[in-house]
């Protein structure tokens, strides 16, 4: 089991710490974005949302997901290149009882979940 947290220092990093050994590792890194949120199903799946850090920098905010406690990540949604500072998704901050992550971007609502 792990504890995860995301950076808010424009480095795009997600960290994982083993609850038993205390070993810390970076499982996602690079880029210039903020990790805006992390949401977990408390088992294997972790969702992360990014927020752009600069205006017209060509960054693309995204939702990424790991289905194996951070070992591998896949992009599930991405915005167009940034036109303003702090462009990104708003989210529900927790999964629904059916396992969906709800998020929105300027009035358009989305939901994703890992296949059962």
C-alpha atoms as a PDB file:
ATOM      1  CA  UNK A   1       0.000   0.000   0.000  1.00  0.00           C
ATOM      2  CA  UNK A   2       1.095   3.526  -0.800  1.00  0.00           C
ATOM      3  CA  UNK A   3       0.372   7.154  -0.034  1.00  0.00           C
ATOM      4  CA  UNK A   4       0.314   9.434  -3.101  1.00  0.00           C
ATOM      5  CA  UNK A   5       0.619  13.178  -3.432  1.00  0.00           C
ATOM      6  CA  UNK A   6       1.032  15.623  -6.276  1.00  0.00           C
ATOM      7  CA  UNK A   7       3.328  18.605  -6.613  1.00  0.00           C
ATOM      8  CA  UNK A   8       2.096  22.161  -6.864  1.00  0.00           C
ATOM      9  CA  UNK A   9       5.496  23.598  -7.823  1.00  0.00           C
ATOM     10  CA  UNK A  10       5.172  23.545 -11.644  1.00  0.00           C
ATOM     11  CA  UNK A  11       7.129  20.275 -11.891  1.00  0.00           C
ATOM     12  CA  UNK A  12       4.305  17.895 -12.818  1.00  0.00           C
ATOM     13  CA  UNK A  13       5.461  15.311 -10.275  1.00  0.00           C
ATOM     14  CA  UNK A  14       3.436  12.644  -8.493  1.00  0.00           C
ATOM     15  CA  UNK A  15       5.093  10.959  -5.541  1.00  0.00           C
ATOM     16  CA  UNK A  16       4.429   7.550  -3.976  1.00  0.00           C
ATOM     17  CA  UNK A  17       5.509   6.463  -0.486  1.00  0.00           C
ATOM     18  CA  UNK A  18       5.394   2.858   0.680  1.00  0.00           C
ATOM     19  CA  UNK A  19       3.389   2.799   3.923  1.00  0.00           C
ATOM     20  CA  UNK A  20       5.597   0.116   5.484  1.00  0.00           C
ATOM     21  CA  UNK A  21       9.138   0.932   4.382  1.00  0.00           C
ATOM     22  CA  UNK A  22       8.715   4.696   3.978  1.00  0.00           C
ATOM     23  CA  UNK A  23      10.494   4.508   0.603  1.00  0.00           C
ATOM     24  CA  UNK A  24       9.573   7.538  -1.517  1.00  0.00           C
ATOM     25  CA  UNK A  25       9.711   7.617  -5.295  1.00  0.00           C
ATOM     26  CA  UNK A  26       8.583   9.889  -8.105  1.00  0.00           C
ATOM     27  CA  UNK A  27       6.161   7.964 -10.345  1.00  0.00           C
ATOM     28  CA  UNK A  28       5.294  10.839 -12.716  1.00  0.00           C
ATOM     29  CA  UNK A  29       7.592  13.743 -13.439  1.00  0.00           C
ATOM     30  CA  UNK A  30       8.556  16.371 -15.921  1.00  0.00           C
ATOM     31  CA  UNK A  31       6.716  19.215 -17.509  1.00  0.00           C
ATOM     32  CA  UNK A  32       5.707  22.528 -16.042  1.00  0.00           C
ATOM     33  CA  UNK A  33       2.243  21.767 -14.737  1.00  0.00           C
ATOM     34  CA  UNK A  34       0.631  21.690 -11.333  1.00  0.00           C
ATOM     35  CA  UNK A  35      -0.884  18.415 -10.157  1.00  0.00           C
ATOM     36  CA  UNK A  36      -4.288  19.839  -9.312  1.00  0.00           C
ATOM     37  CA  UNK A  37      -5.911  16.768  -7.762  1.00  0.00           C
ATOM     38  CA  UNK A  38      -5.416  13.081  -6.984  1.00  0.00           C
ATOM     39  CA  UNK A  39      -8.389  10.790  -6.376  1.00  0.00           C
ATOM     40  CA  UNK A  40      -8.208   7.083  -5.560  1.00  0.00           C
ATOM     41  CA  UNK A  41     -10.603   4.146  -5.338  1.00  0.00           C
ATOM     42  CA  UNK A  42      -8.591   3.056  -2.246  1.00  0.00           C
ATOM     43  CA  UNK A  43      -7.488  -0.109  -4.078  1.00  0.00           C
ATOM     44  CA  UNK A  44      -5.447   0.108  -7.271  1.00  0.00           C
ATOM     45  CA  UNK A  45      -6.741   3.049  -9.332  1.00  0.00           C
ATOM     46  CA  UNK A  46      -5.530   6.651  -9.008  1.00  0.00           C
ATOM     47  CA  UNK A  47      -6.754   9.589 -11.098  1.00  0.00           C
ATOM     48  CA  UNK A  48      -4.739  12.807 -11.425  1.00  0.00           C
ATOM     49  CA  UNK A  49      -5.708  16.117 -12.956  1.00  0.00           C
ATOM     50  CA  UNK A  50      -3.200  18.720 -14.093  1.00  0.00           C
ATOM     51  CA  UNK A  51      -3.413  22.507 -14.319  1.00  0.00           C
ATOM     52  CA  UNK A  52      -1.314  24.585 -16.725  1.00  0.00           C
ATOM     53  CA  UNK A  53       1.224  26.968 -15.223  1.00  0.00           C
ATOM     54  CA  UNK A  54       1.715  29.493 -17.997  1.00  0.00           C
ATOM     55  CA  UNK A  55      -0.257  31.501 -20.495  1.00  0.00           C
ATOM     56  CA  UNK A  56      -0.013  30.465 -24.155  1.00  0.00           C
ATOM     57  CA  UNK A  57       2.769  28.064 -23.347  1.00  0.00           C
ATOM     58  CA  UNK A  58       1.408  25.239 -25.425  1.00  0.00           C
ATOM     59  CA  UNK A  59       0.719  23.155 -22.317  1.00  0.00           C
ATOM     60  CA  UNK A  60      -2.245  20.807 -22.293  1.00  0.00           C
ATOM     61  CA  UNK A  61      -4.009  20.116 -19.017  1.00  0.00           C
ATOM     62  CA  UNK A  62      -4.946  16.446 -18.720  1.00  0.00           C
ATOM     63  CA  UNK A  63      -6.604  13.731 -16.675  1.00  0.00           C
ATOM     64  CA  UNK A  64      -4.345  10.704 -16.254  1.00  0.00           C
ATOM     65  CA  UNK A  65      -5.071   7.385 -14.565  1.00  0.00           C
ATOM     66  CA  UNK A  66      -3.095   4.497 -13.127  1.00  0.00           C
ATOM     67  CA  UNK A  67      -4.779   1.149 -12.597  1.00  0.00           C
ATOM     68  CA  UNK A  68      -1.833  -0.431 -10.772  1.00  0.00           C
ATOM     69  CA  UNK A  69      -0.929   1.865  -7.861  1.00  0.00           C
ATOM     70  CA  UNK A  70       1.132   4.258  -9.951  1.00  0.00           C
ATOM     71  CA  UNK A  71       3.326   1.832 -11.884  1.00  0.00           C
ATOM     72  CA  UNK A  72       1.891   2.876 -15.283  1.00  0.00           C
ATOM     73  CA  UNK A  73      -0.172   5.920 -16.316  1.00  0.00           C
ATOM     74  CA  UNK A  74      -2.526   6.581 -19.219  1.00  0.00           C
ATOM     75  CA  UNK A  75      -3.992   9.876 -20.433  1.00  0.00           C
ATOM     76  CA  UNK A  76      -7.808   9.734 -20.549  1.00  0.00           C
ATOM     77  CA  UNK A  77      -8.618  13.360 -21.405  1.00  0.00           C
ATOM     78  CA  UNK A  78      -6.654  16.386 -22.572  1.00  0.00           C
ATOM     79  CA  UNK A  79      -7.468  20.037 -23.235  1.00  0.00           C
ATOM     80  CA  UNK A  80      -6.306  22.157 -26.151  1.00  0.00           C
ATOM     81  CA  UNK A  81      -3.013  24.058 -25.658  1.00  0.00           C
ATOM     82  CA  UNK A  82      -3.274  26.677 -22.914  1.00  0.00           C
ATOM     83  CA  UNK A  83      -4.475  30.181 -23.669  1.00  0.00           C
ATOM     84  CA  UNK A  84      -4.549  31.385 -20.049  1.00  0.00           C
ATOM     85  CA  UNK A  85      -2.730  30.750 -16.795  1.00  0.00           C
ATOM     86  CA  UNK A  86      -4.165  27.982 -14.628  1.00  0.00           C
ATOM     87  CA  UNK A  87      -6.216  26.237 -17.289  1.00  0.00           C
ATOM     88  CA  UNK A  88      -7.491  22.838 -16.232  1.00  0.00           C
ATOM     89  CA  UNK A  89     -10.293  20.618 -15.064  1.00  0.00           C
ATOM     90  CA  UNK A  90     -12.456  21.012 -11.988  1.00  0.00           C
ATOM     91  CA  UNK A  91     -13.289  17.719 -10.279  1.00  0.00           C
ATOM     92  CA  UNK A  92     -15.512  16.061  -7.720  1.00  0.00           C
ATOM     93  CA  UNK A  93     -12.537  15.238  -5.430  1.00  0.00           C
ATOM     94  CA  UNK A  94     -13.868  11.747  -4.794  1.00  0.00           C
ATOM     95  CA  UNK A  95     -15.258   8.846  -6.784  1.00  0.00           C
ATOM     96  CA  UNK A  96     -18.989   8.151  -6.925  1.00  0.00           C
ATOM     97  CA  UNK A  97     -20.367   4.990  -5.327  1.00  0.00           C
ATOM     98  CA  UNK A  98     -20.252   3.418  -8.818  1.00  0.00           C
ATOM     99  CA  UNK A  99     -16.553   4.294  -9.197  1.00  0.00           C
ATOM    100  CA  UNK A 100     -16.882   7.281 -11.561  1.00  0.00           C
ATOM    101  CA  UNK A 101     -14.705  10.378 -11.410  1.00  0.00           C
ATOM    102  CA  UNK A 102     -16.776  13.408 -12.411  1.00  0.00           C
ATOM    103  CA  UNK A 103     -14.990  16.494 -13.728  1.00  0.00           C
ATOM    104  CA  UNK A 104     -15.831  19.534 -15.793  1.00  0.00           C
ATOM    105  CA  UNK A 105     -14.294  22.205 -17.912  1.00  0.00           C
ATOM    106  CA  UNK A 106     -16.153  25.470 -18.582  1.00  0.00           C
ATOM    107  CA  UNK A 107     -19.612  23.941 -18.271  1.00  0.00           C
ATOM    108  CA  UNK A 108     -18.946  20.661 -20.075  1.00  0.00           C
ATOM    109  CA  UNK A 109     -19.221  17.729 -17.677  1.00  0.00           C
ATOM    110  CA  UNK A 110     -17.436  14.387 -18.061  1.00  0.00           C
ATOM    111  CA  UNK A 111     -17.146  11.141 -16.187  1.00  0.00           C
ATOM    112  CA  UNK A 112     -14.645   8.301 -16.412  1.00  0.00           C
ATOM    113  CA  UNK A 113     -14.090   5.046 -14.598  1.00  0.00           C
ATOM    114  CA  UNK A 114     -12.024   1.935 -14.804  1.00  0.00           C
ATOM    115  CA  UNK A 115     -13.870  -0.943 -16.429  1.00  0.00           C
ATOM    116  CA  UNK A 116     -15.220  -3.329 -13.773  1.00  0.00           C
END
